[in-house]
Amino acid sequence: RMQSAGFIVDARTFYSLLTACAQVGDLRAADVTIKQMKDAGIPEDVISHTTLINACATKADPEEARRRFLAMRSSQIQPNGFTLNAMLNVFIVVGDASEAEIW
């Protein structure tokens, strides 16, 4: 809708939308946003993937976080400190101290 209303939609716009999805743990909406981002010619990057992992923490879903982390790596996107912290947070949220120590 923003584009049809004449707003310029850039990477920051999509990051804001992804962050909103992550804050409520809505991975379905986050995936739709990622697709729209790609359709707009904005490639996935470490920020978008890390935000998806943060959504997994909100949902307390470590398996989905692990799957998304591996998908990021298979896409040749290198994790950064924020990504590793997001993974750590997922396991802290679910109370898995032994897995959290790995991250």
PDB file of N, CA and C in Angstrom:
ATOM      1  N   ARG A   1       0.812  -1.191   0.000  1.00  0.00           N
ATOM      2  CA  ARG A   1       0.000   0.000   0.000  1.00  0.00           C
ATOM      3  C   ARG A   1       0.859   1.259   0.000  1.00  0.00           C
ATOM      4  N   MET A   2       1.980   1.189   0.708  1.00  0.00           N
ATOM      5  CA  MET A   2       2.830   2.379   0.778  1.00  0.00           C
ATOM      6  C   MET A   2       3.316   2.780  -0.606  1.00  0.00           C
ATOM      7  N   GLN A   3       3.725   1.784  -1.389  1.00  0.00           N
ATOM      8  CA  GLN A   3       4.222   2.072  -2.730  1.00  0.00           C
ATOM      9  C   GLN A   3       3.124   2.673  -3.595  1.00  0.00           C
ATOM     10  N   SER A   4       1.926   2.104  -3.521  1.00  0.00           N
ATOM     11  CA  SER A   4       0.839   2.612  -4.357  1.00  0.00           C
ATOM     12  C   SER A   4       0.411   4.019  -3.917  1.00  0.00           C
ATOM     13  N   ALA A   5       0.720   4.378  -2.673  1.00  0.00           N
ATOM     14  CA  ALA A   5       0.402   5.721  -2.182  1.00  0.00           C
ATOM     15  C   ALA A   5       1.514   6.715  -2.503  1.00  0.00           C
ATOM     16  N   GLY A   6       2.566   6.237  -3.174  1.00  0.00           N
ATOM     17  CA  GLY A   6       3.635   7.127  -3.593  1.00  0.00           C
ATOM     18  C   GLY A   6       4.808   7.240  -2.644  1.00  0.00           C
ATOM     19  N   PHE A   7       4.807   6.443  -1.578  1.00  0.00           N
ATOM     20  CA  PHE A   7       5.933   6.471  -0.656  1.00  0.00           C
ATOM     21  C   PHE A   7       7.110   5.690  -1.243  1.00  0.00           C
ATOM     22  N   ILE A   8       8.304   6.145  -0.941  1.00  0.00           N
ATOM     23  CA  ILE A   8       9.500   5.410  -1.344  1.00  0.00           C
ATOM     24  C   ILE A   8       9.727   4.307  -0.325  1.00  0.00           C
ATOM     25  N   VAL A   9       9.769   3.087  -0.815  1.00  0.00           N
ATOM     26  CA  VAL A   9       9.972   1.935   0.051  1.00  0.00           C
ATOM     27  C   VAL A   9      11.390   1.440  -0.186  1.00  0.00           C
ATOM     28  N   ASP A  10      12.214   1.506   0.866  1.00  0.00           N
ATOM     29  CA  ASP A  10      13.598   1.075   0.749  1.00  0.00           C
ATOM     30  C   ASP A  10      13.904   0.014   1.811  1.00  0.00           C
ATOM     31  N   ALA A  11      15.162  -0.342   1.929  1.00  0.00           N
ATOM     32  CA  ALA A  11      15.557  -1.387   2.872  1.00  0.00           C
ATOM     33  C   ALA A  11      15.154  -1.027   4.298  1.00  0.00           C
ATOM     34  N   ARG A  12      15.315   0.233   4.679  1.00  0.00           N
ATOM     35  CA  ARG A  12      14.952   0.636   6.043  1.00  0.00           C
ATOM     36  C   ARG A  12      13.466   0.433   6.309  1.00  0.00           C
ATOM     37  N   THR A  13      12.650   0.665   5.301  1.00  0.00           N
ATOM     38  CA  THR A  13      11.210   0.438   5.453  1.00  0.00           C
ATOM     39  C   THR A  13      10.940  -1.033   5.751  1.00  0.00           C
ATOM     40  N   PHE A  14      11.577  -1.897   4.958  1.00  0.00           N
ATOM     41  CA  PHE A  14      11.379  -3.331   5.168  1.00  0.00           C
ATOM     42  C   PHE A  14      11.948  -3.788   6.504  1.00  0.00           C
ATOM     43  N   TYR A  15      13.098  -3.248   6.916  1.00  0.00           N
ATOM     44  CA  TYR A  15      13.653  -3.603   8.226  1.00  0.00           C
ATOM     45  C   TYR A  15      12.694  -3.212   9.336  1.00  0.00           C
ATOM     46  N   SER A  16      12.046  -2.068   9.197  1.00  0.00           N
ATOM     47  CA  SER A  16      11.071  -1.640  10.208  1.00  0.00           C
ATOM     48  C   SER A  16       9.900  -2.602  10.269  1.00  0.00           C
ATOM     49  N   LEU A  17       9.407  -3.009   9.111  1.00  0.00           N
ATOM     50  CA  LEU A  17       8.308  -3.976   9.067  1.00  0.00           C
ATOM     51  C   LEU A  17       8.731  -5.314   9.676  1.00  0.00           C
ATOM     52  N   LEU A  18       9.949  -5.762   9.345  1.00  0.00           N
ATOM     53  CA  LEU A  18      10.450  -7.022   9.908  1.00  0.00           C
ATOM     54  C   LEU A  18      10.587  -6.932  11.421  1.00  0.00           C
ATOM     55  N   THR A  19      11.056  -5.802  11.899  1.00  0.00           N
ATOM     56  CA  THR A  19      11.204  -5.615  13.348  1.00  0.00           C
ATOM     57  C   THR A  19       9.847  -5.689  14.035  1.00  0.00           C
ATOM     58  N   ALA A  20       8.841  -5.082  13.434  1.00  0.00           N
ATOM     59  CA  ALA A  20       7.488  -5.154  13.999  1.00  0.00           C
ATOM     60  C   ALA A  20       7.003  -6.602  14.046  1.00  0.00           C
ATOM     61  N   CYS A  21       7.271  -7.345  12.987  1.00  0.00           N
ATOM     62  CA  CYS A  21       6.893  -8.768  12.963  1.00  0.00           C
ATOM     63  C   CYS A  21       7.625  -9.534  14.063  1.00  0.00           C
ATOM     64  N   ALA A  22       8.914  -9.246  14.230  1.00  0.00           N
ATOM     65  CA  ALA A  22       9.720  -9.939  15.237  1.00  0.00           C
ATOM     66  C   ALA A  22       9.217  -9.640  16.643  1.00  0.00           C
ATOM     67  N   GLN A  23       8.818  -8.410  16.880  1.00  0.00           N
ATOM     68  CA  GLN A  23       8.372  -8.025  18.217  1.00  0.00           C
ATOM     69  C   GLN A  23       7.119  -8.766  18.656  1.00  0.00           C
ATOM     70  N   VAL A  24       6.310  -9.183  17.696  1.00  0.00           N
ATOM     71  CA  VAL A  24       5.104  -9.943  18.042  1.00  0.00           C
ATOM     72  C   VAL A  24       5.233 -11.420  17.691  1.00  0.00           C
ATOM     73  N   GLY A  25       6.404 -11.825  17.169  1.00  0.00           N
ATOM     74  CA  GLY A  25       6.641 -13.226  16.845  1.00  0.00           C
ATOM     75  C   GLY A  25       5.850 -13.729  15.659  1.00  0.00           C
ATOM     76  N   ASP A  26       5.521 -12.856  14.719  1.00  0.00           N
ATOM     77  CA  ASP A  26       4.708 -13.237  13.563  1.00  0.00           C
ATOM     78  C   ASP A  26       5.617 -13.596  12.387  1.00  0.00           C
ATOM     79  N   LEU A  27       6.028 -14.859  12.359  1.00  0.00           N
ATOM     80  CA  LEU A  27       6.934 -15.323  11.298  1.00  0.00           C
ATOM     81  C   LEU A  27       6.248 -15.363   9.941  1.00  0.00           C
ATOM     82  N   ARG A  28       4.949 -15.620   9.913  1.00  0.00           N
ATOM     83  CA  ARG A  28       4.243 -15.643   8.634  1.00  0.00           C
ATOM     84  C   ARG A  28       4.296 -14.257   7.986  1.00  0.00           C
ATOM     85  N   ALA A  29       3.990 -13.235   8.756  1.00  0.00           N
ATOM     86  CA  ALA A  29       4.041 -11.871   8.228  1.00  0.00           C
ATOM     87  C   ALA A  29       5.478 -11.483   7.877  1.00  0.00           C
ATOM     88  N   ALA A  30       6.437 -11.964   8.657  1.00  0.00           N
ATOM     89  CA  ALA A  30       7.844 -11.686   8.358  1.00  0.00           C
ATOM     90  C   ALA A  30       8.241 -12.314   7.033  1.00  0.00           C
ATOM     91  N   ASP A  31       7.781 -13.530   6.784  1.00  0.00           N
ATOM     92  CA  ASP A  31       8.102 -14.193   5.509  1.00  0.00           C
ATOM     93  C   ASP A  31       7.472 -13.450   4.328  1.00  0.00           C
ATOM     94  N   VAL A  32       6.259 -12.953   4.508  1.00  0.00           N
ATOM     95  CA  VAL A  32       5.610 -12.162   3.458  1.00  0.00           C
ATOM     96  C   VAL A  32       6.431 -10.893   3.198  1.00  0.00           C
ATOM     97  N   THR A  33       6.894 -10.269   4.270  1.00  0.00           N
ATOM     98  CA  THR A  33       7.706  -9.054   4.136  1.00  0.00           C
ATOM     99  C   THR A  33       9.010  -9.344   3.406  1.00  0.00           C
ATOM    100  N   ILE A  34       9.637 -10.473   3.720  1.00  0.00           N
ATOM    101  CA  ILE A  34      10.880 -10.860   3.028  1.00  0.00           C
ATOM    102  C   ILE A  34      10.603 -11.035   1.537  1.00  0.00           C
ATOM    103  N   LYS A  35       9.484 -11.681   1.204  1.00  0.00           N
ATOM    104  CA  LYS A  35       9.146 -11.869  -0.212  1.00  0.00           C
ATOM    105  C   LYS A  35       8.945 -10.512  -0.892  1.00  0.00           C
ATOM    106  N   GLN A  36       8.232  -9.612  -0.245  1.00  0.00           N
ATOM    107  CA  GLN A  36       8.015  -8.271  -0.810  1.00  0.00           C
ATOM    108  C   GLN A  36       9.338  -7.531  -0.964  1.00  0.00           C
ATOM    109  N   MET A  37      10.219  -7.717  -0.028  1.00  0.00           N
ATOM    110  CA  MET A  37      11.530  -7.090  -0.076  1.00  0.00           C
ATOM    111  C   MET A  37      12.293  -7.577  -1.313  1.00  0.00           C
ATOM    112  N   LYS A  38      12.291  -8.900  -1.497  1.00  0.00           N
ATOM    113  CA  LYS A  38      12.969  -9.470  -2.679  1.00  0.00           C
ATOM    114  C   LYS A  38      12.322  -8.975  -3.966  1.00  0.00           C
ATOM    115  N   ASP A  39      10.985  -8.943  -3.980  1.00  0.00           N
ATOM    116  CA  ASP A  39      10.263  -8.464  -5.165  1.00  0.00           C
ATOM    117  C   ASP A  39      10.611  -7.013  -5.494  1.00  0.00           C
ATOM    118  N   ALA A  40      10.968  -6.237  -4.469  1.00  0.00           N
ATOM    119  CA  ALA A  40      11.350  -4.837  -4.663  1.00  0.00           C
ATOM    120  C   ALA A  40      12.820  -4.691  -5.053  1.00  0.00           C
ATOM    121  N   GLY A  41      13.494  -5.843  -5.183  1.00  0.00           N
ATOM    122  CA  GLY A  41      14.895  -5.815  -5.590  1.00  0.00           C
ATOM    123  C   GLY A  41      15.876  -5.603  -4.451  1.00  0.00           C
ATOM    124  N   ILE A  42      15.413  -5.765  -3.237  1.00  0.00           N
ATOM    125  CA  ILE A  42      16.280  -5.603  -2.067  1.00  0.00           C
ATOM    126  C   ILE A  42      16.651  -7.000  -1.579  1.00  0.00           C
ATOM    127  N   PRO A  43      17.934  -7.345  -1.638  1.00  0.00           N
ATOM    128  CA  PRO A  43      18.331  -8.703  -1.268  1.00  0.00           C
ATOM    129  C   PRO A  43      18.269  -8.939   0.244  1.00  0.00           C
ATOM    130  N   GLU A  44      18.069 -10.186   0.603  1.00  0.00           N
ATOM    131  CA  GLU A  44      18.160 -10.562   2.010  1.00  0.00           C
ATOM    132  C   GLU A  44      19.593 -10.310   2.465  1.00  0.00           C
ATOM    133  N   ASP A  45      19.741  -9.995   3.737  1.00  0.00           N
ATOM    134  CA  ASP A  45      21.071  -9.770   4.272  1.00  0.00           C
ATOM    135  C   ASP A  45      21.106 -10.190   5.737  1.00  0.00           C
ATOM    136  N   VAL A  46      22.220  -9.934   6.384  1.00  0.00           N
ATOM    137  CA  VAL A  46      22.375 -10.353   7.773  1.00  0.00           C
ATOM    138  C   VAL A  46      21.347  -9.668   8.674  1.00  0.00           C
ATOM    139  N   ILE A  47      20.964  -8.443   8.358  1.00  0.00           N
ATOM    140  CA  ILE A  47      19.973  -7.739   9.179  1.00  0.00           C
ATOM    141  C   ILE A  47      18.615  -8.428   9.086  1.00  0.00           C
ATOM    142  N   SER A  48      18.184  -8.734   7.886  1.00  0.00           N
ATOM    143  CA  SER A  48      16.864  -9.370   7.737  1.00  0.00           C
ATOM    144  C   SER A  48      16.846 -10.755   8.376  1.00  0.00           C
ATOM    145  N   HIS A  49      17.904 -11.516   8.190  1.00  0.00           N
ATOM    146  CA  HIS A  49      17.946 -12.857   8.790  1.00  0.00           C
ATOM    147  C   HIS A  49      18.006 -12.793  10.311  1.00  0.00           C
ATOM    148  N   THR A  50      18.787 -11.875  10.847  1.00  0.00           N
ATOM    149  CA  THR A  50      18.878 -11.739  12.299  1.00  0.00           C
ATOM    150  C   THR A  50      17.522 -11.332  12.877  1.00  0.00           C
ATOM    151  N   THR A  51      16.813 -10.486  12.179  1.00  0.00           N
ATOM    152  CA  THR A  51      15.492 -10.069  12.638  1.00  0.00           C
ATOM    153  C   THR A  51      14.536 -11.258  12.669  1.00  0.00           C
ATOM    154  N   LEU A  52      14.636 -12.142  11.682  1.00  0.00           N
ATOM    155  CA  LEU A  52      13.805 -13.350  11.678  1.00  0.00           C
ATOM    156  C   LEU A  52      14.143 -14.246  12.866  1.00  0.00           C
ATOM    157  N   ILE A  53      15.412 -14.343  13.193  1.00  0.00           N
ATOM    158  CA  ILE A  53      15.821 -15.143  14.356  1.00  0.00           C
ATOM    159  C   ILE A  53      15.274 -14.506  15.634  1.00  0.00           C
ATOM    160  N   ASN A  54      15.267 -13.180  15.701  1.00  0.00           N
ATOM    161  CA  ASN A  54      14.665 -12.509  16.860  1.00  0.00           C
ATOM    162  C   ASN A  54      13.178 -12.837  16.975  1.00  0.00           C
ATOM    163  N   ALA A  55      12.498 -12.976  15.856  1.00  0.00           N
ATOM    164  CA  ALA A  55      11.083 -13.368  15.885  1.00  0.00           C
ATOM    165  C   ALA A  55      10.929 -14.759  16.485  1.00  0.00           C
ATOM    166  N   CYS A  56      11.875 -15.631  16.184  1.00  0.00           N
ATOM    167  CA  CYS A  56      11.847 -16.980  16.762  1.00  0.00           C
ATOM    168  C   CYS A  56      12.010 -16.934  18.277  1.00  0.00           C
ATOM    169  N   ALA A  57      12.819 -16.002  18.766  1.00  0.00           N
ATOM    170  CA  ALA A  57      12.968 -15.844  20.214  1.00  0.00           C
ATOM    171  C   ALA A  57      11.648 -15.396  20.831  1.00  0.00           C
ATOM    172  N   THR A  58      10.973 -14.475  20.171  1.00  0.00           N
ATOM    173  CA  THR A  58       9.680 -14.005  20.674  1.00  0.00           C
ATOM    174  C   THR A  58       8.689 -15.152  20.749  1.00  0.00           C
ATOM    175  N   LYS A  59       8.747 -16.051  19.753  1.00  0.00           N
ATOM    176  CA  LYS A  59       7.850 -17.212  19.731  1.00  0.00           C
ATOM    177  C   LYS A  59       8.351 -18.354  20.608  1.00  0.00           C
ATOM    178  N   ALA A  60       9.579 -18.219  21.153  1.00  0.00           N
ATOM    179  CA  ALA A  60      10.208 -19.291  21.931  1.00  0.00           C
ATOM    180  C   ALA A  60      10.301 -20.566  21.093  1.00  0.00           C
ATOM    181  N   ASP A  61      10.844 -20.422  19.881  1.00  0.00           N
ATOM    182  CA  ASP A  61      10.928 -21.530  18.929  1.00  0.00           C
ATOM    183  C   ASP A  61      12.376 -21.742  18.490  1.00  0.00           C
ATOM    184  N   PRO A  62      13.155 -22.470  19.305  1.00  0.00           N
ATOM    185  CA  PRO A  62      14.570 -22.652  18.979  1.00  0.00           C
ATOM    186  C   PRO A  62      14.810 -23.465  17.711  1.00  0.00           C
ATOM    187  N   GLU A  63      13.952 -24.409  17.417  1.00  0.00           N
ATOM    188  CA  GLU A  63      14.152 -25.212  16.209  1.00  0.00           C
ATOM    189  C   GLU A  63      14.001 -24.357  14.948  1.00  0.00           C
ATOM    190  N   GLU A  64      13.022 -23.476  14.956  1.00  0.00           N
ATOM    191  CA  GLU A  64      12.835 -22.579  13.812  1.00  0.00           C
ATOM    192  C   GLU A  64      14.002 -21.598  13.714  1.00  0.00           C
ATOM    193  N   ALA A  65      14.494 -21.142  14.847  1.00  0.00           N
ATOM    194  CA  ALA A  65      15.660 -20.247  14.845  1.00  0.00           C
ATOM    195  C   ALA A  65      16.865 -20.955  14.236  1.00  0.00           C
ATOM    196  N   ARG A  66      17.081 -22.183  14.635  1.00  0.00           N
ATOM    197  CA  ARG A  66      18.212 -22.962  14.098  1.00  0.00           C
ATOM    198  C   ARG A  66      18.042 -23.162  12.594  1.00  0.00           C
ATOM    199  N   ARG A  67      16.811 -23.464  12.161  1.00  0.00           N
ATOM    200  CA  ARG A  67      16.560 -23.669  10.733  1.00  0.00           C
ATOM    201  C   ARG A  67      16.860 -22.383   9.956  1.00  0.00           C
ATOM    202  N   ARG A  68      16.430 -21.272  10.488  1.00  0.00           N
ATOM    203  CA  ARG A  68      16.655 -19.996   9.799  1.00  0.00           C
ATOM    204  C   ARG A  68      18.127 -19.594   9.815  1.00  0.00           C
ATOM    205  N   PHE A  69      18.831 -19.920  10.887  1.00  0.00           N
ATOM    206  CA  PHE A  69      20.265 -19.649  10.940  1.00  0.00           C
ATOM    207  C   PHE A  69      20.985 -20.455   9.858  1.00  0.00           C
ATOM    208  N   LEU A  70      20.639 -21.724   9.746  1.00  0.00           N
ATOM    209  CA  LEU A  70      21.267 -22.572   8.727  1.00  0.00           C
ATOM    210  C   LEU A  70      20.906 -22.110   7.319  1.00  0.00           C
ATOM    211  N   ALA A  71      19.670 -21.655   7.125  1.00  0.00           N
ATOM    212  CA  ALA A  71      19.269 -21.124   5.815  1.00  0.00           C
ATOM    213  C   ALA A  71      20.085 -19.887   5.467  1.00  0.00           C
ATOM    214  N   MET A  72      20.332 -19.058   6.461  1.00  0.00           N
ATOM    215  CA  MET A  72      21.145 -17.865   6.242  1.00  0.00           C
ATOM    216  C   MET A  72      22.540 -18.271   5.794  1.00  0.00           C
ATOM    217  N   ARG A  73      23.127 -19.227   6.488  1.00  0.00           N
ATOM    218  CA  ARG A  73      24.484 -19.677   6.138  1.00  0.00           C
ATOM    219  C   ARG A  73      24.513 -20.319   4.752  1.00  0.00           C
ATOM    220  N   SER A  74      23.478 -21.074   4.409  1.00  0.00           N
ATOM    221  CA  SER A  74      23.452 -21.708   3.085  1.00  0.00           C
ATOM    222  C   SER A  74      23.263 -20.683   1.975  1.00  0.00           C
ATOM    223  N   SER A  75      22.756 -19.498   2.337  1.00  0.00           N
ATOM    224  CA  SER A  75      22.624 -18.405   1.373  1.00  0.00           C
ATOM    225  C   SER A  75      23.908 -17.585   1.269  1.00  0.00           C
ATOM    226  N   GLN A  76      24.955 -18.070   1.918  1.00  0.00           N
ATOM    227  CA  GLN A  76      26.258 -17.392   1.924  1.00  0.00           C
ATOM    228  C   GLN A  76      26.228 -16.041   2.635  1.00  0.00           C
ATOM    229  N   ILE A  77      25.297 -15.879   3.566  1.00  0.00           N
ATOM    230  CA  ILE A  77      25.233 -14.665   4.375  1.00  0.00           C
ATOM    231  C   ILE A  77      25.903 -14.976   5.703  1.00  0.00           C
ATOM    232  N   GLN A  78      26.929 -14.213   6.013  1.00  0.00           N
ATOM    233  CA  GLN A  78      27.700 -14.456   7.225  1.00  0.00           C
ATOM    234  C   GLN A  78      27.029 -13.832   8.442  1.00  0.00           C
ATOM    235  N   PRO A  79      26.893 -14.615   9.522  1.00  0.00           N
ATOM    236  CA  PRO A  79      26.324 -14.050  10.747  1.00  0.00           C
ATOM    237  C   PRO A  79      27.292 -13.036  11.358  1.00  0.00           C
ATOM    238  N   ASN A  80      26.736 -12.111  12.120  1.00  0.00           N
ATOM    239  CA  ASN A  80      27.576 -11.169  12.852  1.00  0.00           C
ATOM    240  C   ASN A  80      27.284 -11.329  14.350  1.00  0.00           C
ATOM    241  N   GLY A  81      27.832 -10.453  15.150  1.00  0.00           N
ATOM    242  CA  GLY A  81      27.626 -10.539  16.592  1.00  0.00           C
ATOM    243  C   GLY A  81      26.171 -10.433  16.990  1.00  0.00           C
ATOM    244  N   PHE A  82      25.402  -9.617  16.263  1.00  0.00           N
ATOM    245  CA  PHE A  82      23.977  -9.488  16.559  1.00  0.00           C
ATOM    246  C   PHE A  82      23.234 -10.793  16.272  1.00  0.00           C
ATOM    247  N   THR A  83      23.650 -11.474  15.203  1.00  0.00           N
ATOM    248  CA  THR A  83      23.026 -12.746  14.858  1.00  0.00           C
ATOM    249  C   THR A  83      23.288 -13.780  15.952  1.00  0.00           C
ATOM    250  N   LEU A  84      24.534 -13.863  16.371  1.00  0.00           N
ATOM    251  CA  LEU A  84      24.888 -14.833  17.409  1.00  0.00           C
ATOM    252  C   LEU A  84      24.194 -14.496  18.725  1.00  0.00           C
ATOM    253  N   ASN A  85      24.063 -13.229  19.026  1.00  0.00           N
ATOM    254  CA  ASN A  85      23.340 -12.821  20.220  1.00  0.00           C
ATOM    255  C   ASN A  85      21.863 -13.199  20.117  1.00  0.00           C
ATOM    256  N   ALA A  86      21.278 -13.050  18.930  1.00  0.00           N
ATOM    257  CA  ALA A  86      19.879 -13.443  18.729  1.00  0.00           C
ATOM    258  C   ALA A  86      19.702 -14.943  18.961  1.00  0.00           C
ATOM    259  N   MET A  87      20.655 -15.728  18.462  1.00  0.00           N
ATOM    260  CA  MET A  87      20.584 -17.181  18.680  1.00  0.00           C
ATOM    261  C   MET A  87      20.715 -17.498  20.170  1.00  0.00           C
ATOM    262  N   LEU A  88      21.633 -16.853  20.837  1.00  0.00           N
ATOM    263  CA  LEU A  88      21.805 -17.039  22.270  1.00  0.00           C
ATOM    264  C   LEU A  88      20.500 -16.720  22.998  1.00  0.00           C
ATOM    265  N   ASN A  89      19.870 -15.628  22.612  1.00  0.00           N
ATOM    266  CA  ASN A  89      18.627 -15.209  23.252  1.00  0.00           C
ATOM    267  C   ASN A  89      17.515 -16.243  23.091  1.00  0.00           C
ATOM    268  N   VAL A  90      17.446 -16.879  21.927  1.00  0.00           N
ATOM    269  CA  VAL A  90      16.408 -17.900  21.707  1.00  0.00           C
ATOM    270  C   VAL A  90      16.512 -18.986  22.767  1.00  0.00           C
ATOM    271  N   PHE A  91      17.729 -19.440  23.025  1.00  0.00           N
ATOM    272  CA  PHE A  91      17.904 -20.541  23.975  1.00  0.00           C
ATOM    273  C   PHE A  91      17.769 -20.078  25.420  1.00  0.00           C
ATOM    274  N   ILE A  92      18.080 -18.825  25.690  1.00  0.00           N
ATOM    275  CA  ILE A  92      17.831 -18.275  27.025  1.00  0.00           C
ATOM    276  C   ILE A  92      16.336 -18.211  27.291  1.00  0.00           C
ATOM    277  N   VAL A  93      15.570 -17.774  26.278  1.00  0.00           N
ATOM    278  CA  VAL A  93      14.113 -17.651  26.414  1.00  0.00           C
ATOM    279  C   VAL A  93      13.480 -18.989  26.774  1.00  0.00           C
ATOM    280  N   VAL A  94      13.965 -20.078  26.175  1.00  0.00           N
ATOM    281  CA  VAL A  94      13.373 -21.387  26.456  1.00  0.00           C
ATOM    282  C   VAL A  94      14.042 -22.107  27.626  1.00  0.00           C
ATOM    283  N   GLY A  95      15.050 -21.444  28.228  1.00  0.00           N
ATOM    284  CA  GLY A  95      15.695 -22.021  29.408  1.00  0.00           C
ATOM    285  C   GLY A  95      16.663 -23.143  29.115  1.00  0.00           C
ATOM    286  N   ASP A  96      17.221 -23.160  27.912  1.00  0.00           N
ATOM    287  CA  ASP A  96      18.178 -24.205  27.533  1.00  0.00           C
ATOM    288  C   ASP A  96      19.603 -23.665  27.687  1.00  0.00           C
ATOM    289  N   ALA A  97      20.111 -23.729  28.932  1.00  0.00           N
ATOM    290  CA  ALA A  97      21.424 -23.158  29.234  1.00  0.00           C
ATOM    291  C   ALA A  97      22.546 -23.856  28.486  1.00  0.00           C
ATOM    292  N   SER A  98      22.450 -25.157  28.317  1.00  0.00           N
ATOM    293  CA  SER A  98      23.545 -25.875  27.638  1.00  0.00           C
ATOM    294  C   SER A  98      23.634 -25.458  26.172  1.00  0.00           C
ATOM    295  N   GLU A  99      22.520 -25.280  25.503  1.00  0.00           N
ATOM    296  CA  GLU A  99      22.536 -24.830  24.111  1.00  0.00           C
ATOM    297  C   GLU A  99      22.956 -23.363  24.038  1.00  0.00           C
ATOM    298  N   ALA A 100      22.520 -22.564  25.009  1.00  0.00           N
ATOM    299  CA  ALA A 100      22.894 -21.145  25.026  1.00  0.00           C
ATOM    300  C   ALA A 100      24.408 -20.985  25.140  1.00  0.00           C
ATOM    301  N   GLU A 101      25.054 -21.854  25.893  1.00  0.00           N
ATOM    302  CA  GLU A 101      26.510 -21.762  26.044  1.00  0.00           C
ATOM    303  C   GLU A 101      27.230 -21.974  24.715  1.00  0.00           C
ATOM    304  N   ILE A 102      26.656 -22.760  23.824  1.00  0.00           N
ATOM    305  CA  ILE A 102      27.269 -23.024  22.523  1.00  0.00           C
ATOM    306  C   ILE A 102      27.324 -21.745  21.702  1.00  0.00           C
ATOM    307  N   TRP A 103      26.292 -20.919  21.816  1.00  0.00           N
ATOM    308  CA  TRP A 103      26.212 -19.707  21.013  1.00  0.00           C
ATOM    309  C   TRP A 103      26.981 -18.584  21.648  1.00  0.00           C
TER     310      TRP A 103
END
